[in-house]
Amino acid sequence: MALRDRLLRKTNKGCMLIVDDDEINRAIIANVFESEYTIDEAEDGRIGLQKILSHPEKYTAVLLDVMMPNMDGIEVLQNLRSSDLLEKIPVFLITAEASSKTLNDAYDLGVMDVILKPVTPYIVNRRINSVVELFKARKALADRVVAQDMELVEKAQKIIELNHGLIEALSTAIEFRNGESGEHVRRIHDITKYVFEKTELGNGLSAEEIQNIALASIMHDVGKIAIPDNILGKPGRLTPEEYEIMKTHTVQGGLLLDKIPQLKDSGVYEYAYDIARHHHERWDGRGYPDKLKGDEISLWAQVVSIADVYDALSCKRCYKDAFPREKVISMIKGGECGTFSPKLLECFFAVEDDLSEYYAAPKE
C-alpha cells in the first residue's frame, strides 16, 4: 500500500466499541482490529449501552459479548433496537454461548453476525470488515441521495422564484402602461396576504394557499394589456362606450392566464384566473363581468376586490387625486364603490389601521 493510502487510512479510522466483561477477551479482539480502528472498551452491557446512546455517531462497529453482569448482550440489543440504532451501527455478537435460542434472538433483534469464541483473527477480521464496508457504502449512498434531493429542491425553488419574478414583472409592466408604478401590485399583494393572515377570513387556509392567493392577486389587472392606450391612460371620465371596453379587462385577463401552460401547472393558476375575472364582481350582483352575487364570488376575489378599491381611492391616479383616509373609509362603507360582504367589511376594517401604514407619508 502506498504511503499516502496508509496515512489516509489512519486519518479516517473509525471507532470500534468492544463490550466484554473479560479483560483478556477485550485485549485479544483489540489486537485484531487496532491497526484499522480506534478501540473503545466497556466491561459490561450497561456501560457499553450508555456509551453508545451518549454518542451513537462515534461508533463504526460494536462487538458485543452475550454473557455479562448487569446487562447481557441480548438486553443491549433490545435497547439498541428500540432506539433505532441497529440500522445505523453494525453490531456483532462474539460469544461462546451458541445455543439456537441465543442465535435466533440475536438475529431477530437485528444483529449483523454472530461469531463464536475462540475467535480466528483472519476470519473475524474479514467478516466484520466486510459488513462495516457495506454500512459505509450504504451511508455514503444515502448521503448522496440526500444531497441530490437538496439540490433538486434548491433548483425547484429557483424556478419558483424565477416564475414569481416573471409574474411580478408582467404585472408591473402593465401598471406602468396604465401610468402607475409597480407599487400598486405590491400593495395589493401585501394587503391580500395580511387580511388572510390576520383575520378569520384565512381560517381553513394553509400558509401555502395564502401565499398562492397573494401571488395571484398581483395579476388581477393583467387583462389591461388588451385595453387601448387612449382608454387606459385617459385623464378624465370615460364615456359609456369606453367604460364598456375597460370592463373587458376582466375577461381578457382570464383568457390571457388560461394561455400560459406553466402557470396552469402551478398552485397559483386557479386563484389567478378567478381573481382576474371576478375582482370587479359585487356582493349585490351589480358587478361585472358575470353578475355574480353573494357567496357566488370566491373569498379571494372579494378580498382582492376591496384591496383594489382601497388602494385606488388612497392613491393619485391619472384621472383623480388621492382621497384622505377618512373619505376612503366612508366611501367604501357607504357603498360608493359597490357593495361588499358585511363579513368582509368587518374583517377588513378590523385591520385597516395597519393597512393605512402603506399610505403614510415617509418620515423625515
Protein backbone atom coordinates (compact mmCIF):
# COMPACT_ATOMS: atom_id res chain seq x y z
CA MET A 1 0.00 0.00 0.00
CA ALA A 2 1.35 3.45 -0.88
CA LEU A 3 2.36 5.76 1.96
CA ARG A 4 -0.40 8.23 1.06
CA ASP A 5 -3.07 5.49 1.30
CA ARG A 6 -1.72 4.27 4.66
CA LEU A 7 -1.75 7.81 6.06
CA LEU A 8 -5.25 8.41 4.74
CA ARG A 9 -6.48 5.18 6.29
CA LYS A 10 -5.00 6.15 9.65
CA THR A 11 -6.58 9.58 9.46
CA ASN A 12 -10.01 8.12 8.64
CA LYS A 13 -10.05 5.40 11.31
CA GLY A 14 -13.46 4.54 12.64
CA CYS A 15 -14.08 3.73 16.29
CA MET A 16 -14.91 0.19 17.39
CA LEU A 17 -16.54 -0.50 20.76
CA ILE A 18 -15.72 -3.86 22.39
CA VAL A 19 -18.17 -4.80 25.13
CA ASP A 20 -16.99 -7.81 27.17
CA ASP A 21 -16.61 -8.45 30.89
CA ASP A 22 -13.38 -10.40 30.32
CA GLU A 23 -10.38 -8.10 30.02
CA ILE A 24 -8.31 -10.74 28.20
CA ASN A 25 -11.02 -11.23 25.59
CA ARG A 26 -11.15 -7.47 25.03
CA ALA A 27 -7.39 -7.36 24.60
CA ILE A 28 -7.42 -10.24 22.10
CA ILE A 29 -10.11 -8.64 19.96
CA ALA A 30 -8.50 -5.21 20.24
CA ASN A 31 -5.26 -6.67 18.95
CA VAL A 32 -7.05 -7.92 15.83
CA PHE A 33 -8.54 -4.52 14.93
CA GLU A 34 -6.33 -1.84 16.47
CA SER A 35 -4.46 -1.20 13.21
CA GLU A 36 -7.74 -0.32 11.47
CA TYR A 37 -9.90 1.19 14.20
CA THR A 38 -9.65 3.35 17.26
CA ILE A 39 -10.63 0.98 20.06
CA ASP A 40 -13.04 1.83 22.87
CA GLU A 41 -13.94 -0.69 25.60
CA ALA A 42 -16.72 -1.39 28.11
CA GLU A 43 -16.62 -4.07 30.82
CA ASP A 44 -20.34 -4.80 30.87
CA GLY A 45 -23.50 -4.30 28.82
CA ARG A 46 -24.86 -1.36 30.81
CA ILE A 47 -21.68 0.70 30.40
CA GLY A 48 -21.49 -0.23 26.73
CA LEU A 49 -25.09 0.80 26.13
CA GLN A 50 -24.55 4.13 27.88
CA LYS A 51 -21.53 4.83 25.66
CA ILE A 52 -23.47 4.05 22.50
CA LEU A 53 -26.55 6.07 23.48
CA SER A 54 -24.40 9.05 24.51
CA HIS A 55 -22.50 9.18 21.19
CA PRO A 56 -24.13 6.94 18.58
CA GLU A 57 -22.39 8.76 15.73
CA LYS A 58 -18.99 7.89 17.22
CA TYR A 59 -19.02 4.14 16.57
CA THR A 60 -18.28 2.40 13.30
CA ALA A 61 -18.95 -1.07 14.80
CA VAL A 62 -19.87 -2.68 18.12
CA LEU A 63 -18.59 -6.11 19.20
CA LEU A 64 -20.77 -7.50 21.94
CA ASP A 65 -20.40 -10.43 24.31
CA VAL A 66 -23.57 -12.26 25.41
CA MET A 67 -22.90 -13.38 28.98
CA MET A 68 -22.10 -10.29 31.08
CA PRO A 69 -23.05 -8.92 34.51
CA ASN A 70 -25.51 -6.02 34.97
CA MET A 71 -26.82 -6.31 31.41
CA ASP A 72 -26.22 -9.11 28.93
CA GLY A 73 -25.71 -8.78 25.19
CA ILE A 74 -29.29 -9.64 24.25
CA GLU A 75 -30.60 -6.86 26.53
CA VAL A 76 -28.18 -4.42 24.91
CA LEU A 77 -29.51 -5.44 21.50
CA GLN A 78 -33.10 -4.94 22.66
CA ASN A 79 -32.29 -1.42 23.84
CA LEU A 80 -30.44 -0.55 20.65
CA ARG A 81 -33.34 -1.81 18.55
CA SER A 82 -35.87 0.28 20.50
CA SER A 83 -33.64 3.31 19.87
CA ASP A 84 -33.49 2.56 16.10
CA LEU A 85 -29.70 2.36 16.23
CA LEU A 86 -29.23 -1.10 14.73
CA GLU A 87 -29.95 0.41 11.29
CA LYS A 88 -27.11 2.88 11.77
CA ILE A 89 -24.43 0.90 13.64
CA PRO A 90 -23.43 -2.68 12.73
CA VAL A 91 -23.47 -4.80 15.91
CA PHE A 92 -21.82 -8.25 16.19
CA LEU A 93 -22.15 -10.87 18.90
CA ILE A 94 -18.91 -12.59 19.83
CA THR A 95 -19.80 -15.38 22.19
CA ALA A 96 -19.11 -18.90 23.38
CA GLU A 97 -22.85 -19.31 24.01
CA ALA A 98 -24.07 -20.77 20.73
CA SER A 99 -27.50 -22.13 21.65
CA SER A 100 -30.17 -21.94 18.98
CA LYS A 101 -32.23 -19.64 21.19
CA THR A 102 -29.36 -17.18 21.52
CA LEU A 103 -28.75 -17.21 17.78
CA ASN A 104 -32.42 -16.80 16.94
CA ASP A 105 -32.90 -13.99 19.47
CA ALA A 106 -29.83 -12.16 18.21
CA TYR A 107 -30.76 -12.34 14.53
CA ASP A 108 -34.40 -11.48 15.23
CA LEU A 109 -33.27 -8.34 17.04
CA GLY A 110 -31.07 -7.26 14.12
CA VAL A 111 -27.52 -8.30 14.94
CA MET A 112 -25.35 -8.37 11.82
CA ASP A 113 -23.45 -11.54 12.62
CA VAL A 114 -22.73 -13.99 15.45
CA ILE A 115 -19.08 -15.01 15.80
CA LEU A 116 -18.13 -17.90 18.04
CA LYS A 117 -15.27 -17.89 20.52
CA PRO A 118 -12.45 -18.60 20.39
CA VAL A 119 -12.04 -16.20 17.51
CA THR A 120 -9.85 -16.80 14.50
CA PRO A 121 -8.30 -13.36 13.81
CA TYR A 122 -8.23 -13.56 10.00
CA ILE A 123 -11.80 -14.84 9.73
CA VAL A 124 -13.30 -12.46 12.27
CA ASN A 125 -11.45 -9.55 10.64
CA ARG A 126 -12.83 -10.37 7.18
CA ARG A 127 -16.39 -10.96 8.36
CA ILE A 128 -16.61 -7.78 10.40
CA ASN A 129 -14.80 -5.52 7.94
CA SER A 130 -16.99 -6.71 5.07
CA VAL A 131 -20.12 -5.65 6.94
CA VAL A 132 -18.56 -2.35 8.07
CA GLU A 133 -17.66 -1.50 4.48
CA LEU A 134 -21.22 -2.34 3.42
CA PHE A 135 -22.59 0.05 6.06
CA LYS A 136 -20.17 2.77 4.93
CA ALA A 137 -21.21 2.33 1.31
CA ARG A 138 -24.90 2.41 2.23
CA LYS A 139 -24.42 5.57 4.30
CA ALA A 140 -22.43 7.23 1.50
CA LEU A 141 -25.21 6.38 -0.95
CA ALA A 142 -27.88 7.70 1.43
CA ASP A 143 -25.88 10.92 1.95
CA ARG A 144 -25.53 11.31 -1.80
CA VAL A 145 -29.26 10.81 -2.32
CA VAL A 146 -30.00 13.41 0.37
CA ALA A 147 -27.55 15.83 -1.26
CA GLN A 148 -29.16 15.26 -4.66
CA ASP A 149 -32.62 15.76 -3.16
CA MET A 150 -31.48 19.03 -1.59
CA GLU A 151 -30.01 20.12 -4.92
CA LEU A 152 -33.29 19.34 -6.68
CA VAL A 153 -35.22 21.28 -4.03
CA GLU A 154 -32.88 24.26 -4.45
CA LYS A 155 -33.29 24.16 -8.23
CA ALA A 156 -37.06 23.90 -7.91
CA GLN A 157 -37.05 26.87 -5.52
CA LYS A 158 -35.02 28.90 -8.01
CA ILE A 159 -37.52 28.04 -10.75
CA ILE A 160 -40.39 29.09 -8.48
CA GLU A 161 -38.62 32.36 -7.65
CA LEU A 162 -37.97 32.96 -11.35
CA ASN A 163 -41.63 32.34 -12.17
CA HIS A 164 -42.71 34.66 -9.38
CA GLY A 165 -40.32 37.29 -10.70
CA LEU A 166 -41.72 36.98 -14.21
CA ILE A 167 -45.27 37.28 -12.88
CA GLU A 168 -44.34 40.41 -10.94
CA ALA A 169 -42.51 41.86 -13.94
CA LEU A 170 -45.52 41.31 -16.23
CA SER A 171 -47.94 42.81 -13.72
CA THR A 172 -45.65 45.77 -13.03
CA ALA A 173 -45.18 46.42 -16.76
CA ILE A 174 -48.95 46.64 -17.17
CA GLU A 175 -49.14 49.09 -14.26
CA PHE A 176 -46.51 51.31 -15.90
CA ARG A 177 -48.54 51.23 -19.11
CA ASN A 178 -51.51 52.34 -17.04
CA GLY A 179 -49.49 55.28 -15.75
CA GLU A 180 -48.96 53.66 -12.35
CA SER A 181 -45.83 52.43 -10.61
CA GLY A 182 -45.27 48.83 -9.66
CA GLU A 183 -46.08 49.74 -6.08
CA HIS A 184 -49.78 49.16 -6.73
CA VAL A 185 -49.43 45.43 -7.35
CA ARG A 186 -47.06 45.07 -4.40
CA ARG A 187 -49.56 46.76 -2.10
CA ILE A 188 -52.40 44.55 -3.39
CA HIS A 189 -50.21 41.51 -2.71
CA ASP A 190 -49.34 42.67 0.81
CA ILE A 191 -52.89 43.75 1.73
CA THR A 192 -54.38 40.49 0.46
CA LYS A 193 -51.84 38.43 2.38
CA TYR A 194 -52.28 40.49 5.55
CA VAL A 195 -56.08 40.23 5.54
CA PHE A 196 -55.99 36.46 5.18
CA GLU A 197 -53.25 36.04 7.80
CA LYS A 198 -54.64 38.41 10.42
CA THR A 199 -58.41 37.89 10.21
CA GLU A 200 -60.81 34.98 10.34
CA LEU A 201 -61.11 35.11 6.56
CA GLY A 202 -57.97 32.99 6.47
CA ASN A 203 -59.42 30.24 8.65
CA GLY A 204 -59.04 26.88 6.94
CA LEU A 205 -56.40 28.11 4.51
CA SER A 206 -52.84 26.83 4.76
CA ALA A 207 -49.84 29.17 4.68
CA GLU A 208 -49.06 27.90 1.17
CA GLU A 209 -52.60 28.61 -0.04
CA ILE A 210 -52.46 32.16 1.35
CA GLN A 211 -49.10 32.66 -0.33
CA ASN A 212 -50.53 31.47 -3.66
CA ILE A 213 -53.57 33.73 -3.33
CA ALA A 214 -51.35 36.73 -2.58
CA LEU A 215 -49.16 35.97 -5.58
CA ALA A 216 -52.25 35.52 -7.76
CA SER A 217 -53.57 38.90 -6.61
CA ILE A 218 -50.83 40.82 -8.41
CA MET A 219 -52.22 39.53 -11.71
CA HIS A 220 -55.70 40.95 -11.10
CA ASP A 221 -55.38 43.60 -13.82
CA VAL A 222 -53.29 41.61 -16.29
CA GLY A 223 -56.12 41.88 -18.84
CA LYS A 224 -55.49 45.61 -19.18
CA ILE A 225 -52.77 44.68 -21.65
CA ALA A 226 -55.62 44.33 -24.17
CA ILE A 227 -57.10 47.79 -23.49
CA PRO A 228 -56.18 50.58 -25.96
CA ASP A 229 -53.80 53.26 -24.66
CA ASN A 230 -56.25 56.11 -25.27
CA ILE A 231 -58.72 54.48 -22.88
CA LEU A 232 -56.28 53.06 -20.37
CA GLY A 233 -54.45 56.35 -19.86
CA LYS A 234 -57.35 58.76 -20.32
CA PRO A 235 -57.03 61.57 -17.74
CA GLY A 236 -60.76 62.19 -17.43
CA ARG A 237 -64.02 60.30 -17.06
CA LEU A 238 -64.57 57.50 -19.56
CA THR A 239 -67.55 57.61 -21.90
CA PRO A 240 -70.09 54.77 -21.54
CA GLU A 241 -68.63 53.12 -24.64
CA GLU A 242 -65.08 53.45 -23.31
CA TYR A 243 -66.14 52.12 -19.94
CA GLU A 244 -67.60 49.01 -21.57
CA ILE A 245 -64.27 48.41 -23.29
CA MET A 246 -62.40 48.96 -20.00
CA LYS A 247 -64.61 46.38 -18.29
CA THR A 248 -63.43 43.71 -20.72
CA HIS A 249 -60.04 43.61 -18.98
CA THR A 250 -61.54 41.08 -16.56
CA VAL A 251 -62.45 38.60 -19.30
CA GLN A 252 -59.24 39.34 -21.20
CA GLY A 253 -57.21 38.67 -18.05
CA GLY A 254 -58.74 35.24 -17.62
CA LEU A 255 -58.15 34.42 -21.30
CA LEU A 256 -54.52 35.50 -21.09
CA LEU A 257 -53.80 33.48 -17.96
CA ASP A 258 -55.52 30.47 -19.49
CA LYS A 259 -52.93 30.52 -22.30
CA ILE A 260 -49.89 30.22 -20.00
CA PRO A 261 -49.25 26.45 -19.64
CA GLN A 262 -46.54 26.87 -16.99
CA LEU A 263 -48.95 28.83 -14.80
CA LYS A 264 -51.67 26.20 -15.22
CA ASP A 265 -49.31 23.61 -13.71
CA SER A 266 -48.83 25.68 -10.54
CA GLY A 267 -50.93 26.18 -7.43
CA VAL A 268 -51.41 29.83 -8.39
CA TYR A 269 -53.45 29.40 -11.58
CA GLU A 270 -56.85 28.61 -10.04
CA TYR A 271 -56.69 31.70 -7.84
CA ALA A 272 -55.17 33.95 -10.52
CA TYR A 273 -57.84 33.14 -13.12
CA ASP A 274 -60.68 33.63 -10.66
CA ILE A 275 -59.28 36.89 -9.29
CA ALA A 276 -58.53 38.36 -12.73
CA ARG A 277 -62.05 37.64 -13.96
CA HIS A 278 -64.04 38.37 -10.81
CA HIS A 279 -62.32 41.14 -8.82
CA HIS A 280 -64.97 43.60 -10.05
CA GLU A 281 -67.95 41.48 -9.03
CA ARG A 282 -70.02 42.94 -6.19
CA TRP A 283 -71.94 41.39 -3.30
CA ASP A 284 -75.31 42.69 -4.58
CA GLY A 285 -74.78 41.27 -8.08
CA ARG A 286 -74.16 44.64 -9.73
CA GLY A 287 -70.53 43.97 -10.61
CA TYR A 288 -69.05 42.54 -13.80
CA PRO A 289 -68.45 40.57 -15.98
CA ASP A 290 -70.61 37.65 -14.75
CA LYS A 291 -73.00 39.45 -12.37
CA LEU A 292 -72.07 37.07 -9.54
CA LYS A 293 -73.87 37.66 -6.26
CA GLY A 294 -73.10 36.96 -2.60
CA ASP A 295 -71.11 33.80 -1.96
CA GLU A 296 -71.01 33.04 -5.68
CA ILE A 297 -67.94 35.30 -5.54
CA SER A 298 -64.90 33.47 -4.18
CA LEU A 299 -63.44 34.77 -0.93
CA TRP A 300 -60.08 35.57 -2.56
CA ALA A 301 -61.74 37.57 -5.35
CA GLN A 302 -63.69 39.51 -2.69
CA VAL A 303 -60.56 40.32 -0.69
CA VAL A 304 -58.61 41.45 -3.77
CA SER A 305 -61.64 43.49 -4.82
CA ILE A 306 -61.76 45.54 -1.63
CA ALA A 307 -57.96 45.81 -1.55
CA ASP A 308 -58.01 47.18 -5.12
CA VAL A 309 -60.72 49.72 -4.30
CA TYR A 310 -58.96 50.77 -1.08
CA ASP A 311 -55.68 51.28 -2.94
CA ALA A 312 -57.27 53.10 -5.88
CA LEU A 313 -59.03 55.57 -3.57
CA SER A 314 -55.94 56.09 -1.42
CA CYS A 315 -53.59 56.91 -4.30
CA LYS A 316 -53.35 59.52 -7.04
CA ARG A 317 -54.38 58.23 -10.46
CA CYS A 318 -54.26 59.82 -13.91
CA TYR A 319 -57.97 60.63 -13.59
CA LYS A 320 -58.10 61.74 -9.92
CA ASP A 321 -56.20 62.82 -6.81
CA ALA A 322 -55.79 60.65 -3.72
CA PHE A 323 -58.63 60.87 -1.20
CA PRO A 324 -57.99 61.42 2.52
CA ARG A 325 -58.16 58.28 4.62
CA GLU A 326 -61.45 59.28 6.29
CA LYS A 327 -63.05 59.81 2.87
CA VAL A 328 -61.75 56.44 1.64
CA ILE A 329 -63.30 54.67 4.62
CA SER A 330 -66.65 56.43 4.29
CA MET A 331 -66.83 55.76 0.53
CA ILE A 332 -66.22 52.02 0.98
CA LYS A 333 -68.59 51.69 3.93
CA GLY A 334 -71.21 53.80 2.17
CA GLY A 335 -71.20 51.65 -0.93
CA GLU A 336 -69.98 54.37 -3.31
CA CYS A 337 -67.62 51.84 -4.88
CA GLY A 338 -70.06 48.96 -4.91
CA THR A 339 -71.43 46.69 -2.23
CA PHE A 340 -69.15 44.38 -0.22
CA SER A 341 -69.96 41.49 2.08
CA PRO A 342 -70.70 42.62 5.66
CA LYS A 343 -68.24 40.00 6.97
CA LEU A 344 -65.58 41.21 4.54
CA LEU A 345 -66.09 44.82 5.64
CA GLU A 346 -65.92 43.80 9.30
CA CYS A 347 -62.67 41.89 8.86
CA PHE A 348 -61.09 44.44 6.53
CA PHE A 349 -61.70 47.39 8.81
CA ALA A 350 -60.55 45.38 11.84
CA VAL A 351 -57.03 45.63 10.36
CA GLU A 352 -57.39 48.88 8.39
CA ASP A 353 -55.28 50.78 10.93
CA ASP A 354 -52.35 48.57 10.00
CA LEU A 355 -53.09 48.73 6.26
CA SER A 356 -53.18 52.53 6.33
CA GLU A 357 -49.46 52.48 7.08
CA TYR A 358 -48.84 51.60 3.43
CA TYR A 359 -50.06 55.10 2.55
CA ALA A 360 -48.45 57.09 5.36
CA ALA A 361 -46.09 59.87 4.30
CA PRO A 362 -42.44 58.82 4.70
CA LYS A 363 -40.87 60.07 7.92
CA GLU A 364 -38.04 62.53 7.55
